[in-house]
All heavy atoms as atom14 arrays in JSON, in Angstrom:
{
  "sequence": "MNSLKPEDTAVFYCAAKYAYLRNNVYTAVSDFTYWGQGTQVNVS",
  "atom14_mask": [
    [1, 1, 1, 1, 1, 1, 1, 1, 0, 0, 0, 0, 0, 0],
    [1, 1, 1, 1, 1, 1, 1, 1, 0, 0, 0, 0, 0, 0],
    [1, 1, 1, 1, 1, 1, 0, 0, 0, 0, 0, 0, 0, 0],
    [1, 1, 1, 1, 1, 1, 1, 1, 0, 0, 0, 0, 0, 0],
    [1, 1, 1, 1, 1, 1, 1, 1, 1, 0, 0, 0, 0, 0],
    [1, 1, 1, 1, 1, 1, 1, 0, 0, 0, 0, 0, 0, 0],
    [1, 1, 1, 1, 1, 1, 1, 1, 1, 0, 0, 0, 0, 0],
    [1, 1, 1, 1, 1, 1, 1, 1, 0, 0, 0, 0, 0, 0],
    [1, 1, 1, 1, 1, 1, 1, 0, 0, 0, 0, 0, 0, 0],
    [1, 1, 1, 1, 1, 0, 0, 0, 0, 0, 0, 0, 0, 0],
    [1, 1, 1, 1, 1, 1, 1, 0, 0, 0, 0, 0, 0, 0],
    [1, 1, 1, 1, 1, 1, 1, 1, 1, 1, 1, 0, 0, 0],
    [1, 1, 1, 1, 1, 1, 1, 1, 1, 1, 1, 1, 0, 0],
    [1, 1, 1, 1, 1, 1, 0, 0, 0, 0, 0, 0, 0, 0],
    [1, 1, 1, 1, 1, 0, 0, 0, 0, 0, 0, 0, 0, 0],
    [1, 1, 1, 1, 1, 0, 0, 0, 0, 0, 0, 0, 0, 0],
    [1, 1, 1, 1, 1, 1, 1, 1, 1, 0, 0, 0, 0, 0],
    [1, 1, 1, 1, 1, 1, 1, 1, 1, 1, 1, 1, 0, 0],
    [1, 1, 1, 1, 1, 0, 0, 0, 0, 0, 0, 0, 0, 0],
    [1, 1, 1, 1, 1, 1, 1, 1, 1, 1, 1, 1, 0, 0],
    [1, 1, 1, 1, 1, 1, 1, 1, 0, 0, 0, 0, 0, 0],
    [1, 1, 1, 1, 1, 1, 1, 1, 1, 1, 1, 0, 0, 0],
    [1, 1, 1, 1, 1, 1, 1, 1, 0, 0, 0, 0, 0, 0],
    [1, 1, 1, 1, 1, 1, 1, 1, 0, 0, 0, 0, 0, 0],
    [1, 1, 1, 1, 1, 1, 1, 0, 0, 0, 0, 0, 0, 0],
    [1, 1, 1, 1, 1, 1, 1, 1, 1, 1, 1, 1, 0, 0],
    [1, 1, 1, 1, 1, 1, 1, 0, 0, 0, 0, 0, 0, 0],
    [1, 1, 1, 1, 1, 0, 0, 0, 0, 0, 0, 0, 0, 0],
    [1, 1, 1, 1, 1, 1, 1, 0, 0, 0, 0, 0, 0, 0],
    [1, 1, 1, 1, 1, 1, 0, 0, 0, 0, 0, 0, 0, 0],
    [1, 1, 1, 1, 1, 1, 1, 1, 0, 0, 0, 0, 0, 0],
    [1, 1, 1, 1, 1, 1, 1, 1, 1, 1, 1, 0, 0, 0],
    [1, 1, 1, 1, 1, 1, 1, 0, 0, 0, 0, 0, 0, 0],
    [1, 1, 1, 1, 1, 1, 1, 1, 1, 1, 1, 1, 0, 0],
    [1, 1, 1, 1, 1, 1, 1, 1, 1, 1, 1, 1, 1, 1],
    [1, 1, 1, 1, 0, 0, 0, 0, 0, 0, 0, 0, 0, 0],
    [1, 1, 1, 1, 1, 1, 1, 1, 1, 0, 0, 0, 0, 0],
    [1, 1, 1, 1, 0, 0, 0, 0, 0, 0, 0, 0, 0, 0],
    [1, 1, 1, 1, 1, 1, 1, 0, 0, 0, 0, 0, 0, 0],
    [1, 1, 1, 1, 1, 1, 1, 1, 1, 0, 0, 0, 0, 0],
    [1, 1, 1, 1, 1, 1, 1, 0, 0, 0, 0, 0, 0, 0],
    [1, 1, 1, 1, 1, 1, 1, 1, 0, 0, 0, 0, 0, 0],
    [1, 1, 1, 1, 1, 1, 1, 0, 0, 0, 0, 0, 0, 0],
    [1, 1, 1, 1, 1, 1, 0, 0, 0, 0, 0, 0, 0, 0]
  ],
  "atom14_positions": [
    [[72.66, 102.99, 82.37], [72.66, 104.39, 82.78], [73.64, 104.56, 83.94], [73.44, 104.0, 85.01], [71.25, 104.83, 83.2], [70.19, 104.59, 82.13], [68.59, 105.27, 82.53], [68.15, 104.3, 83.98], [0.0, 0.0, 0.0], [0.0, 0.0, 0.0], [0.0, 0.0, 0.0], [0.0, 0.0, 0.0], [0.0, 0.0, 0.0], [0.0, 0.0, 0.0]],
    [[74.66, 105.34, 83.7], [75.67, 105.62, 84.74], [75.67, 107.08, 85.08], [75.1, 107.91, 84.36], [77.04, 105.22, 84.23], [77.17, 103.75, 83.91], [76.51, 102.91, 84.52], [77.98, 103.41, 82.91], [0.0, 0.0, 0.0], [0.0, 0.0, 0.0], [0.0, 0.0, 0.0], [0.0, 0.0, 0.0], [0.0, 0.0, 0.0], [0.0, 0.0, 0.0]],
    [[76.28, 107.42, 86.2], [76.38, 108.82, 86.65], [75.04, 109.51, 86.6], [74.9, 110.62, 86.07], [77.4, 109.57, 85.76], [78.65, 108.96, 85.79], [0.0, 0.0, 0.0], [0.0, 0.0, 0.0], [0.0, 0.0, 0.0], [0.0, 0.0, 0.0], [0.0, 0.0, 0.0], [0.0, 0.0, 0.0], [0.0, 0.0, 0.0], [0.0, 0.0, 0.0]],
    [[74.07, 108.84, 87.15], [72.71, 109.38, 87.11], [72.58, 110.69, 87.87], [73.25, 110.89, 88.91], [71.7, 108.34, 87.63], [71.38, 107.24, 86.62], [70.81, 105.99, 87.32], [70.43, 107.75, 85.55], [0.0, 0.0, 0.0], [0.0, 0.0, 0.0], [0.0, 0.0, 0.0], [0.0, 0.0, 0.0], [0.0, 0.0, 0.0], [0.0, 0.0, 0.0]],
    [[71.7, 111.55, 87.38], [71.46, 112.86, 87.95], [70.0, 112.99, 88.32], [69.12, 112.33, 87.7], [71.82, 113.96, 86.95], [73.23, 113.89, 86.39], [73.44, 114.93, 85.31], [74.84, 114.87, 84.72], [75.05, 115.89, 83.65], [0.0, 0.0, 0.0], [0.0, 0.0, 0.0], [0.0, 0.0, 0.0], [0.0, 0.0, 0.0], [0.0, 0.0, 0.0]],
    [[69.67, 113.85, 89.26], [68.23, 114.04, 89.59], [67.38, 114.4, 88.39], [66.22, 113.99, 88.32], [68.27, 115.16, 90.63], [69.6, 115.02, 91.28], [70.55, 114.58, 90.18], [0.0, 0.0, 0.0], [0.0, 0.0, 0.0], [0.0, 0.0, 0.0], [0.0, 0.0, 0.0], [0.0, 0.0, 0.0], [0.0, 0.0, 0.0], [0.0, 0.0, 0.0]],
    [[67.95, 115.12, 87.46], [67.19, 115.5, 86.26], [66.92, 114.32, 85.29], [66.19, 114.47, 84.33], [67.88, 116.65, 85.5], [69.35, 116.41, 85.2], [70.25, 117.04, 86.23], [69.97, 116.96, 87.46], [71.27, 117.65, 85.8], [0.0, 0.0, 0.0], [0.0, 0.0, 0.0], [0.0, 0.0, 0.0], [0.0, 0.0, 0.0], [0.0, 0.0, 0.0]],
    [[67.49, 113.18, 85.6], [67.19, 111.98, 84.81], [65.9, 111.32, 85.29], [65.4, 110.37, 84.68], [68.31, 110.95, 84.91], [69.6, 111.43, 84.22], [69.51, 112.02, 83.11], [70.66, 111.22, 84.84], [0.0, 0.0, 0.0], [0.0, 0.0, 0.0], [0.0, 0.0, 0.0], [0.0, 0.0, 0.0], [0.0, 0.0, 0.0], [0.0, 0.0, 0.0]],
    [[65.33, 111.79, 86.41], [64.1, 111.22, 86.93], [62.98, 111.33, 85.9], [62.69, 112.42, 85.4], [63.69, 111.93, 88.23], [64.67, 111.64, 89.23], [62.32, 111.47, 88.7], [0.0, 0.0, 0.0], [0.0, 0.0, 0.0], [0.0, 0.0, 0.0], [0.0, 0.0, 0.0], [0.0, 0.0, 0.0], [0.0, 0.0, 0.0], [0.0, 0.0, 0.0]],
    [[62.36, 110.2, 85.57], [61.35, 110.15, 84.54], [60.81, 108.71, 84.44], [61.38, 107.78, 84.99], [61.91, 110.61, 83.21], [0.0, 0.0, 0.0], [0.0, 0.0, 0.0], [0.0, 0.0, 0.0], [0.0, 0.0, 0.0], [0.0, 0.0, 0.0], [0.0, 0.0, 0.0], [0.0, 0.0, 0.0], [0.0, 0.0, 0.0], [0.0, 0.0, 0.0]],
    [[59.74, 108.58, 83.66], [59.33, 107.27, 83.21], [60.03, 107.01, 81.91], [60.03, 107.85, 81.0], [57.79, 107.2, 83.0], [57.4, 105.83, 82.45], [57.07, 107.48, 84.3], [0.0, 0.0, 0.0], [0.0, 0.0, 0.0], [0.0, 0.0, 0.0], [0.0, 0.0, 0.0], [0.0, 0.0, 0.0], [0.0, 0.0, 0.0], [0.0, 0.0, 0.0]],
    [[60.71, 105.88, 81.81], [61.47, 105.48, 80.63], [60.69, 104.48, 79.84], [60.17, 103.46, 80.38], [62.82, 104.91, 81.03], [63.84, 105.98, 81.38], [63.73, 106.71, 82.57], [64.91, 106.24, 80.56], [64.64, 107.69, 82.89], [65.84, 107.22, 80.86], [65.71, 107.93, 82.04], [0.0, 0.0, 0.0], [0.0, 0.0, 0.0], [0.0, 0.0, 0.0]],
    [[60.57, 104.74, 78.54], [59.84, 103.86, 77.64], [60.75, 103.3, 76.57], [61.63, 104.04, 76.04], [58.75, 104.67, 76.93], [57.7, 105.28, 77.82], [57.87, 106.53, 78.35], [56.55, 104.57, 78.13], [56.89, 107.09, 79.18], [55.58, 105.12, 78.94], [55.75, 106.37, 79.47], [54.81, 106.93, 80.3], [0.0, 0.0, 0.0], [0.0, 0.0, 0.0]],
    [[60.55, 102.05, 76.19], [61.19, 101.58, 74.99], [60.21, 101.54, 73.85], [58.99, 101.5, 74.06], [61.85, 100.19, 75.2], [60.74, 98.81, 75.26], [0.0, 0.0, 0.0], [0.0, 0.0, 0.0], [0.0, 0.0, 0.0], [0.0, 0.0, 0.0], [0.0, 0.0, 0.0], [0.0, 0.0, 0.0], [0.0, 0.0, 0.0], [0.0, 0.0, 0.0]],
    [[60.73, 101.59, 72.64], [59.9, 101.69, 71.46], [60.55, 100.94, 70.31], [61.78, 100.78, 70.29], [59.68, 103.14, 71.07], [0.0, 0.0, 0.0], [0.0, 0.0, 0.0], [0.0, 0.0, 0.0], [0.0, 0.0, 0.0], [0.0, 0.0, 0.0], [0.0, 0.0, 0.0], [0.0, 0.0, 0.0], [0.0, 0.0, 0.0], [0.0, 0.0, 0.0]],
    [[59.72, 100.52, 69.37], [60.21, 99.73, 68.23], [59.69, 100.29, 66.93], [58.52, 100.74, 66.85], [59.76, 98.29, 68.36], [0.0, 0.0, 0.0], [0.0, 0.0, 0.0], [0.0, 0.0, 0.0], [0.0, 0.0, 0.0], [0.0, 0.0, 0.0], [0.0, 0.0, 0.0], [0.0, 0.0, 0.0], [0.0, 0.0, 0.0], [0.0, 0.0, 0.0]],
    [[60.55, 100.26, 65.92], [60.16, 100.73, 64.6], [60.7, 99.74, 63.56], [61.9, 99.41, 63.59], [60.71, 102.11, 64.29], [60.28, 102.54, 62.91], [61.12, 103.62, 62.33], [60.83, 103.86, 60.86], [59.43, 103.92, 60.45], [0.0, 0.0, 0.0], [0.0, 0.0, 0.0], [0.0, 0.0, 0.0], [0.0, 0.0, 0.0], [0.0, 0.0, 0.0]],
    [[59.83, 99.29, 62.68], [60.29, 98.41, 61.61], [61.35, 99.14, 60.78], [61.14, 100.26, 60.34], [59.14, 97.96, 60.73], [59.55, 96.97, 59.71], [59.67, 95.62, 60.06], [59.86, 97.33, 58.4], [60.06, 94.67, 59.14], [60.26, 96.36, 57.47], [60.36, 95.07, 57.85], [60.77, 94.14, 56.93], [0.0, 0.0, 0.0], [0.0, 0.0, 0.0]],
    [[62.44, 98.47, 60.56], [63.6, 99.13, 59.93], [63.53, 98.98, 58.41], [64.27, 98.22, 57.82], [64.9, 98.54, 60.46], [0.0, 0.0, 0.0], [0.0, 0.0, 0.0], [0.0, 0.0, 0.0], [0.0, 0.0, 0.0], [0.0, 0.0, 0.0], [0.0, 0.0, 0.0], [0.0, 0.0, 0.0], [0.0, 0.0, 0.0], [0.0, 0.0, 0.0]],
    [[62.63, 99.77, 57.81], [62.57, 99.8, 56.35], [63.91, 100.21, 55.75], [64.35, 99.65, 54.74], [61.46, 100.75, 55.88], [60.09, 100.32, 56.22], [59.42, 100.86, 57.32], [59.42, 99.35, 55.46], [58.15, 100.47, 57.65], [58.15, 98.97, 55.78], [57.5, 99.52, 56.88], [56.22, 99.13, 57.21], [0.0, 0.0, 0.0], [0.0, 0.0, 0.0]],
    [[64.51, 101.21, 56.36], [65.86, 101.63, 55.99], [66.79, 101.06, 57.01], [66.86, 101.56, 58.13], [65.92, 103.15, 55.91], [64.94, 103.8, 54.9], [65.0, 105.32, 54.99], [65.26, 103.33, 53.5], [0.0, 0.0, 0.0], [0.0, 0.0, 0.0], [0.0, 0.0, 0.0], [0.0, 0.0, 0.0], [0.0, 0.0, 0.0], [0.0, 0.0, 0.0]],
    [[67.53, 100.03, 56.65], [68.18, 99.16, 57.62], [69.17, 99.9, 58.5], [69.36, 99.54, 59.65], [68.86, 98.0, 56.91], [67.93, 97.14, 56.11], [66.97, 96.41, 57.0], [67.49, 95.18, 57.48], [66.88, 94.38, 58.35], [65.72, 94.75, 58.87], [67.44, 93.26, 58.73], [0.0, 0.0, 0.0], [0.0, 0.0, 0.0], [0.0, 0.0, 0.0]],
    [[69.84, 100.9, 57.95], [70.91, 101.53, 58.71], [70.53, 102.9, 59.28], [71.38, 103.59, 59.8], [72.15, 101.66, 57.85], [72.74, 100.31, 57.48], [72.78, 99.41, 58.34], [73.19, 100.15, 56.27], [0.0, 0.0, 0.0], [0.0, 0.0, 0.0], [0.0, 0.0, 0.0], [0.0, 0.0, 0.0], [0.0, 0.0, 0.0], [0.0, 0.0, 0.0]],
    [[69.23, 103.21, 59.21], [68.8, 104.47, 59.8], [68.67, 104.34, 61.31], [68.2, 103.31, 61.82], [67.43, 104.87, 59.23], [67.55, 105.76, 58.04], [68.58, 105.72, 57.35], [66.56, 106.55, 57.78], [0.0, 0.0, 0.0], [0.0, 0.0, 0.0], [0.0, 0.0, 0.0], [0.0, 0.0, 0.0], [0.0, 0.0, 0.0], [0.0, 0.0, 0.0]],
    [[69.07, 105.4, 61.99], [68.85, 105.48, 63.42], [67.72, 106.49, 63.63], [67.82, 107.63, 63.21], [70.13, 105.95, 64.14], [69.87, 106.03, 65.64], [71.26, 104.99, 63.85], [0.0, 0.0, 0.0], [0.0, 0.0, 0.0], [0.0, 0.0, 0.0], [0.0, 0.0, 0.0], [0.0, 0.0, 0.0], [0.0, 0.0, 0.0], [0.0, 0.0, 0.0]],
    [[66.66, 106.05, 64.26], [65.46, 106.89, 64.41], [65.48, 107.53, 65.79], [65.84, 106.9, 66.78], [64.22, 106.01, 64.23], [64.17, 105.37, 62.9], [64.57, 104.04, 62.69], [63.71, 106.07, 61.76], [64.53, 103.46, 61.42], [63.67, 105.5, 60.54], [64.07, 104.2, 60.35], [64.03, 103.63, 59.11], [0.0, 0.0, 0.0], [0.0, 0.0, 0.0]],
    [[65.04, 108.82, 65.8], [65.1, 109.57, 67.07], [63.82, 110.29, 67.45], [63.73, 110.82, 68.54], [66.24, 110.61, 67.0], [65.94, 111.53, 65.95], [67.6, 109.96, 66.7], [0.0, 0.0, 0.0], [0.0, 0.0, 0.0], [0.0, 0.0, 0.0], [0.0, 0.0, 0.0], [0.0, 0.0, 0.0], [0.0, 0.0, 0.0], [0.0, 0.0, 0.0]],
    [[62.83, 110.32, 66.55], [61.61, 111.05, 66.88], [60.56, 110.12, 67.44], [60.45, 108.96, 67.04], [61.07, 111.72, 65.6], [0.0, 0.0, 0.0], [0.0, 0.0, 0.0], [0.0, 0.0, 0.0], [0.0, 0.0, 0.0], [0.0, 0.0, 0.0], [0.0, 0.0, 0.0], [0.0, 0.0, 0.0], [0.0, 0.0, 0.0], [0.0, 0.0, 0.0]],
    [[59.77, 110.65, 68.36], [58.64, 109.88, 68.91], [57.76, 109.37, 67.78], [57.35, 108.18, 67.8], [57.83, 110.76, 69.88], [56.54, 110.05, 70.28], [58.63, 111.07, 71.11], [0.0, 0.0, 0.0], [0.0, 0.0, 0.0], [0.0, 0.0, 0.0], [0.0, 0.0, 0.0], [0.0, 0.0, 0.0], [0.0, 0.0, 0.0], [0.0, 0.0, 0.0]],
    [[57.49, 110.18, 66.78], [56.61, 109.83, 65.7], [57.18, 108.73, 64.79], [56.44, 108.17, 64.01], [56.27, 111.06, 64.88], [57.44, 111.65, 64.37], [0.0, 0.0, 0.0], [0.0, 0.0, 0.0], [0.0, 0.0, 0.0], [0.0, 0.0, 0.0], [0.0, 0.0, 0.0], [0.0, 0.0, 0.0], [0.0, 0.0, 0.0], [0.0, 0.0, 0.0]],
    [[58.48, 108.46, 64.87], [59.06, 107.42, 64.06], [58.63, 106.03, 64.52], [58.64, 105.09, 63.73], [60.61, 107.47, 64.15], [61.2, 108.65, 63.4], [60.55, 109.11, 62.43], [62.3, 109.09, 63.78], [0.0, 0.0, 0.0], [0.0, 0.0, 0.0], [0.0, 0.0, 0.0], [0.0, 0.0, 0.0], [0.0, 0.0, 0.0], [0.0, 0.0, 0.0]],
    [[58.32, 105.87, 65.79], [58.16, 104.56, 66.4], [56.71, 104.11, 66.43], [55.82, 104.93, 66.69], [58.79, 104.54, 67.8], [60.28, 104.62, 67.75], [60.93, 105.84, 67.63], [61.03, 103.47, 67.8], [62.31, 105.9, 67.56], [62.43, 103.5, 67.75], [63.05, 104.73, 67.6], [0.0, 0.0, 0.0], [0.0, 0.0, 0.0], [0.0, 0.0, 0.0]],
    [[56.53, 102.83, 66.2], [55.21, 102.24, 66.07], [54.72, 101.63, 67.37], [53.55, 101.77, 67.74], [55.19, 101.16, 64.99], [55.72, 101.69, 63.77], [53.78, 100.61, 64.76], [0.0, 0.0, 0.0], [0.0, 0.0, 0.0], [0.0, 0.0, 0.0], [0.0, 0.0, 0.0], [0.0, 0.0, 0.0], [0.0, 0.0, 0.0], [0.0, 0.0, 0.0]],
    [[55.6, 100.89, 68.04], [55.21, 100.14, 69.22], [55.89, 100.71, 70.45], [57.1, 101.07, 70.4], [55.55, 98.66, 69.06], [54.89, 98.04, 67.87], [55.64, 97.69, 66.73], [53.53, 97.79, 67.85], [55.03, 97.09, 65.64], [52.92, 97.22, 66.76], [53.67, 96.87, 65.65], [53.08, 96.3, 64.57], [0.0, 0.0, 0.0], [0.0, 0.0, 0.0]],
    [[55.17, 100.72, 71.56], [55.68, 101.3, 72.81], [55.38, 100.37, 73.98], [54.37, 99.69, 74.02], [55.0, 102.65, 73.08], [55.38, 103.69, 72.1], [54.82, 103.9, 70.84], [56.43, 104.65, 72.22], [55.48, 104.95, 70.2], [56.47, 105.44, 71.04], [57.33, 104.94, 73.25], [57.37, 106.46, 70.85], [58.23, 105.97, 73.05], [58.24, 106.72, 71.86]],
    [[56.3, 100.38, 74.94], [56.07, 99.71, 76.18], [55.29, 100.58, 77.14], [54.97, 101.74, 76.82], [0.0, 0.0, 0.0], [0.0, 0.0, 0.0], [0.0, 0.0, 0.0], [0.0, 0.0, 0.0], [0.0, 0.0, 0.0], [0.0, 0.0, 0.0], [0.0, 0.0, 0.0], [0.0, 0.0, 0.0], [0.0, 0.0, 0.0], [0.0, 0.0, 0.0]],
    [[55.01, 100.03, 78.33], [54.25, 100.75, 79.35], [55.1, 101.66, 80.21], [54.57, 102.53, 80.87], [53.52, 99.74, 80.25], [52.42, 98.99, 79.52], [51.36, 99.89, 78.96], [50.77, 100.69, 79.68], [51.12, 99.81, 77.66], [0.0, 0.0, 0.0], [0.0, 0.0, 0.0], [0.0, 0.0, 0.0], [0.0, 0.0, 0.0], [0.0, 0.0, 0.0]],
    [[56.39, 101.47, 80.15], [57.28, 102.38, 80.88], [57.74, 101.81, 82.2], [57.06, 100.97, 82.82], [0.0, 0.0, 0.0], [0.0, 0.0, 0.0], [0.0, 0.0, 0.0], [0.0, 0.0, 0.0], [0.0, 0.0, 0.0], [0.0, 0.0, 0.0], [0.0, 0.0, 0.0], [0.0, 0.0, 0.0], [0.0, 0.0, 0.0], [0.0, 0.0, 0.0]],
    [[58.9, 102.27, 82.64], [59.41, 101.93, 83.94], [59.91, 103.21, 84.61], [60.56, 104.04, 83.96], [60.53, 100.88, 83.85], [60.92, 100.47, 85.15], [61.75, 101.34, 83.09], [0.0, 0.0, 0.0], [0.0, 0.0, 0.0], [0.0, 0.0, 0.0], [0.0, 0.0, 0.0], [0.0, 0.0, 0.0], [0.0, 0.0, 0.0], [0.0, 0.0, 0.0]],
    [[59.61, 103.39, 85.88], [59.93, 104.62, 86.6], [61.38, 104.6, 87.09], [61.84, 103.61, 87.69], [59.0, 104.81, 87.79], [59.28, 106.06, 88.61], [58.86, 107.33, 87.91], [57.78, 107.44, 87.36], [59.76, 108.33, 87.91], [0.0, 0.0, 0.0], [0.0, 0.0, 0.0], [0.0, 0.0, 0.0], [0.0, 0.0, 0.0], [0.0, 0.0, 0.0]],
    [[62.05, 105.7, 86.82], [63.41, 105.88, 87.33], [63.41, 107.15, 88.21], [63.01, 108.22, 87.72], [64.45, 106.02, 86.21], [65.81, 106.45, 86.75], [64.56, 104.71, 85.45], [0.0, 0.0, 0.0], [0.0, 0.0, 0.0], [0.0, 0.0, 0.0], [0.0, 0.0, 0.0], [0.0, 0.0, 0.0], [0.0, 0.0, 0.0], [0.0, 0.0, 0.0]],
    [[63.82, 107.0, 89.43], [63.88, 108.14, 90.37], [65.32, 108.28, 90.85], [65.89, 107.32, 91.35], [62.96, 107.94, 91.56], [61.51, 108.05, 91.17], [61.09, 109.02, 90.54], [60.73, 107.03, 91.48], [0.0, 0.0, 0.0], [0.0, 0.0, 0.0], [0.0, 0.0, 0.0], [0.0, 0.0, 0.0], [0.0, 0.0, 0.0], [0.0, 0.0, 0.0]],
    [[65.88, 109.47, 90.67], [67.26, 109.75, 91.11], [67.2, 110.8, 92.19], [66.75, 111.9, 91.96], [68.12, 110.22, 89.96], [69.57, 110.36, 90.41], [68.05, 109.21, 88.78], [0.0, 0.0, 0.0], [0.0, 0.0, 0.0], [0.0, 0.0, 0.0], [0.0, 0.0, 0.0], [0.0, 0.0, 0.0], [0.0, 0.0, 0.0], [0.0, 0.0, 0.0]],
    [[67.66, 110.42, 93.38], [67.63, 111.35, 94.51], [68.96, 112.1, 94.6], [70.01, 111.57, 94.25], [67.37, 110.59, 95.79], [68.41, 109.69, 96.05], [0.0, 0.0, 0.0], [0.0, 0.0, 0.0], [0.0, 0.0, 0.0], [0.0, 0.0, 0.0], [0.0, 0.0, 0.0], [0.0, 0.0, 0.0], [0.0, 0.0, 0.0], [0.0, 0.0, 0.0]]
  ]
}
């Protein structure tokens, strides 16, 4: 993450989805099965 802005402040989560369709890029929350606990990013 470069050129960070205050509006980027959030908890960031990574997620995993089994790639049944190998070349699909998934973008919806509902697409993903597994989630991490998150890491806080604060931009002043």
